[in-house]
Protein backbone atom coordinates (compact mmCIF):
# COMPACT_ATOMS: atom_id res chain seq x y z
CA MET A 1 -10.40 2.03 -21.00
CA SER A 2 -13.84 3.17 -20.22
CA MET A 3 -15.43 3.10 -16.87
CA HIS A 4 -18.74 3.05 -18.37
CA GLU A 5 -17.84 -0.45 -20.21
CA GLU A 6 -19.59 -3.57 -18.77
CA LYS A 7 -17.46 -6.49 -17.73
CA ARG A 8 -17.51 -9.00 -14.75
CA GLU A 9 -13.98 -9.12 -13.86
CA TYR A 10 -10.64 -7.82 -15.23
CA SER A 11 -6.99 -8.82 -15.37
CA TYR A 12 -3.84 -7.13 -15.16
CA ALA A 13 -3.64 -8.04 -18.99
CA ASP A 14 -6.71 -5.93 -19.24
CA TYR A 15 -5.29 -3.24 -17.26
CA LEU A 16 -1.79 -3.37 -19.06
CA SER A 17 -3.80 -2.78 -22.13
CA TRP A 18 -5.59 0.43 -21.72
CA THR A 19 -3.98 3.99 -22.12
CA GLU A 20 -0.86 4.64 -19.76
CA ASP A 21 -2.72 7.66 -18.39
CA PHE A 22 -5.46 5.40 -16.41
CA CYS A 23 -4.53 4.36 -13.14
CA CYS A 24 -6.63 1.92 -10.95
CA GLU A 25 -6.77 -0.95 -8.69
CA ALA A 26 -8.60 -4.15 -8.46
CA ILE A 27 -9.74 -6.62 -5.96
CA ASP A 28 -11.10 -10.08 -7.61
CA GLY A 29 -11.14 -8.65 -10.69
CA HIS A 30 -13.53 -5.73 -10.06
CA ILE A 31 -11.97 -2.15 -10.53
CA ILE A 32 -11.81 -0.13 -7.45
CA ALA A 33 -11.86 3.61 -8.98
CA MET A 34 -8.85 5.87 -7.58
CA SER A 35 -9.83 8.88 -6.28
CA PRO A 36 -8.60 12.38 -7.73
CA SER A 37 -5.10 13.44 -7.52
CA PRO A 38 -4.13 13.46 -3.77
CA THR A 39 -4.09 16.92 -1.63
CA PRO A 40 -0.61 18.51 -0.99
CA LYS A 41 -1.23 17.43 2.83
CA HIS A 42 -2.05 13.73 2.09
CA GLN A 43 1.10 13.75 -0.36
CA ASP A 44 3.45 15.38 2.19
CA VAL A 45 2.41 12.68 4.39
CA VAL A 46 3.43 10.01 2.13
CA ALA A 47 6.92 11.74 1.05
CA GLU A 48 8.03 12.14 4.81
CA LEU A 49 6.95 8.69 5.67
CA THR A 50 8.96 7.14 2.59
CA ALA A 51 12.05 9.37 3.32
CA GLU A 52 11.97 8.05 7.04
CA PHE A 53 11.97 4.45 5.54
CA LYS A 54 14.48 5.48 2.60
CA MET A 55 16.88 6.55 5.08
CA PHE A 56 16.40 3.67 7.71
CA LEU A 57 16.56 1.00 4.65
CA ARG A 58 19.51 2.29 2.80
CA GLY A 59 22.27 -0.20 2.53
CA LYS A 60 19.94 -2.79 3.74
CA GLU A 61 17.90 -5.73 1.81
CA CYS A 62 14.61 -4.21 2.14
CA MET A 63 13.34 -1.42 -0.17
CA ALA A 64 10.44 1.17 0.53
CA PHE A 65 8.54 2.17 -2.56
CA SER A 66 5.68 4.96 -2.92
CA ALA A 67 3.15 5.11 -5.35
CA PRO A 68 2.14 4.71 -7.94
CA ILE A 69 3.70 1.36 -7.97
CA ASP A 70 1.67 -1.77 -8.89
CA VAL A 71 1.13 -4.30 -6.73
CA CYS A 72 0.23 -7.86 -7.82
CA LEU A 73 -0.86 -9.39 -4.15
CA PHE A 74 -1.55 -12.90 -5.12
CA ALA A 75 1.11 -13.17 -7.96
CA SER A 76 4.55 -14.52 -8.35
CA LYS A 77 6.79 -13.62 -11.35
CA GLU A 78 5.35 -16.77 -13.11
CA THR A 79 1.80 -15.80 -13.14
CA LYS A 80 0.53 -14.68 -16.54
CA HIS A 81 -1.12 -11.16 -16.58
CA ASP A 82 -4.75 -12.67 -17.62
CA ASP A 83 -4.90 -15.05 -14.46
CA ILE A 84 -4.03 -11.52 -12.28
CA LYS A 85 -6.91 -10.43 -10.99
CA ASP A 86 -5.68 -8.44 -7.88
CA TRP A 87 -3.47 -5.48 -8.07
CA VAL A 88 -2.97 -2.31 -5.90
CA GLN A 89 -1.13 0.50 -5.52
CA PRO A 90 -0.44 1.24 -1.68
CA ASP A 91 0.95 4.82 -0.82
CA LEU A 92 4.02 3.03 0.65
CA LEU A 93 4.98 -0.25 0.85
CA VAL A 94 8.30 -1.96 1.80
CA VAL A 95 9.45 -5.52 0.31
CA CYS A 96 12.42 -7.57 1.97
CA ASP A 97 12.24 -10.55 -0.92
CA PRO A 98 14.42 -9.03 -3.84
CA ASN A 99 12.65 -11.65 -5.82
CA LYS A 100 9.31 -10.11 -5.29
CA ILE A 101 10.91 -6.65 -7.06
CA GLY A 102 10.40 -7.05 -10.78
CA GLU A 103 11.06 -4.84 -13.62
CA LYS A 104 7.51 -2.79 -13.55
CA TYR A 105 5.65 -4.29 -10.81
CA ILE A 106 5.95 -6.08 -7.28
CA THR A 107 4.60 -9.58 -7.34
CA GLY A 108 3.24 -11.09 -3.93
CA ALA A 109 2.53 -9.88 -0.78
CA PRO A 110 4.95 -6.71 0.53
CA ASP A 111 6.34 -7.10 4.38
CA LEU A 112 4.67 -3.79 4.97
CA THR A 113 1.60 -1.49 3.33
CA VAL A 114 0.69 1.99 4.29
CA GLU A 115 -2.65 3.60 3.00
CA VAL A 116 -2.81 7.26 3.84
CA LEU A 117 -6.90 8.25 4.24
CA SER A 118 -8.38 10.52 2.13
CA PRO A 119 -12.60 10.69 2.15
CA SER A 120 -12.75 9.16 -1.35
CA THR A 121 -10.46 5.93 -0.25
CA THR A 122 -11.52 5.56 3.01
CA LYS A 123 -14.09 2.91 2.98
CA ASN A 124 -11.60 1.40 0.48
CA ASP A 125 -8.64 1.43 2.68
CA ARG A 126 -10.62 0.26 6.08
CA GLN A 127 -12.29 -2.39 4.46
CA ILE A 128 -11.45 -3.82 0.92
CA LYS A 129 -7.47 -3.47 1.24
CA PHE A 130 -7.57 -4.60 4.93
CA LYS A 131 -8.98 -7.74 4.02
CA SER A 132 -6.74 -8.12 0.75
CA TYR A 133 -3.39 -7.46 2.70
CA GLU A 134 -4.45 -9.53 5.42
CA LYS A 135 -5.25 -12.41 3.08
CA ALA A 136 -2.50 -11.90 0.78
CA GLY A 137 -0.04 -12.05 4.16
CA VAL A 138 1.09 -8.62 4.60
CA LYS A 139 3.14 -8.70 7.76
CA GLU A 140 2.19 -5.08 8.77
CA TYR A 141 -0.49 -2.81 7.80
CA TRP A 142 -0.85 0.88 8.58
CA ILE A 143 -3.85 3.35 8.11
CA VAL A 144 -2.88 6.76 8.27
CA ASP A 145 -5.04 9.73 8.82
CA PRO A 146 -3.92 13.12 8.22
CA HIS A 147 -6.40 14.81 9.03
CA HIS A 148 -6.72 13.40 12.88
CA MET A 149 -2.79 12.96 12.36
CA SER A 150 -2.80 9.07 13.29
CA VAL A 151 -1.78 6.10 12.53
CA GLU A 152 -3.31 2.63 13.17
CA VAL A 153 -1.10 -0.21 13.04
CA TYR A 154 -1.99 -3.81 12.38
CA GLU A 155 0.22 -7.17 12.33
CA LEU A 156 -0.41 -10.04 11.30
CA ASP A 157 -0.96 -12.47 13.69
CA GLY A 158 -1.44 -16.06 12.03
CA ASP A 159 -4.01 -15.00 9.35
CA ALA A 160 -5.34 -12.32 10.85
CA TYR A 161 -4.27 -8.74 11.93
CA ILE A 162 -4.37 -7.67 15.41
CA GLN A 163 -4.04 -4.08 16.15
CA LYS A 164 -0.85 -2.99 17.71
CA GLY A 165 -1.99 0.69 18.60
CA ILE A 166 -3.24 3.93 17.26
CA PHE A 167 -0.25 6.52 17.37
CA VAL A 168 -0.62 10.37 17.35
CA ARG A 169 1.64 13.13 16.31
CA GLU A 170 3.26 13.36 19.50
CA ASP A 171 4.32 9.45 19.67
CA GLN A 172 7.55 8.04 18.78
CA LEU A 173 6.20 4.95 16.51
CA LYS A 174 8.40 1.81 16.71
CA VAL A 175 8.25 -0.12 13.41
CA GLY A 176 7.20 -3.74 14.09
CA LEU A 177 9.26 -5.32 11.09
CA PHE A 178 12.84 -3.54 12.20
CA GLU A 179 14.36 -3.76 15.35
CA GLY A 180 15.66 0.01 16.29
CA PHE A 181 13.60 1.78 13.98
CA GLU A 182 11.32 4.54 15.68
CA ILE A 183 9.46 7.34 13.75
CA ASP A 184 8.88 10.52 15.28
CA LEU A 185 5.40 11.18 13.96
CA LYS A 186 6.13 15.12 14.45
CA ASN A 187 8.35 15.18 11.45
CA VAL A 188 5.25 13.23 9.48
CA PHE A 189 2.55 15.29 10.65
CA LYS A 190 2.79 19.22 10.26
CA GLU A 191 0.85 21.28 12.32
């Protein structure tokens, strides 16, 4: 696939037909170009958060995954690839319904998604993906800023997100989905 090809919208079937080294996301069939490889700081934050979730969820029904893994937001396992127009690769996601976990991708809204900002993805994460996650019914959405060492937490209230808080390196972040799960952000954001 060449990004110079002109097409009104793409499906997940199109995406699967492209070369394996091409990675992208789409909202309403429109490609969101992926940024260059993440920085070491970005990857470290993702790895630390993933470790926190993996340890807490060990032996429980919910599962945590880190990118790259495709999430087909508005699909079910029965949805044909030609009919899937929205797929994303959150930096971290938690799925509590085992029926959403397919052999190659996730179908439907995860329970929690986390996006770690980078200069080239900030607009997508704060606007485009924010609205898509909200519309899909993702219960909790975190926007993590590694530069400012902060986490913005949004929880779904009806069909709209409300901000539950902004947490910084010195805080203990209580994970809304799981009683008794707190993350010491000093373990996530290193000075």
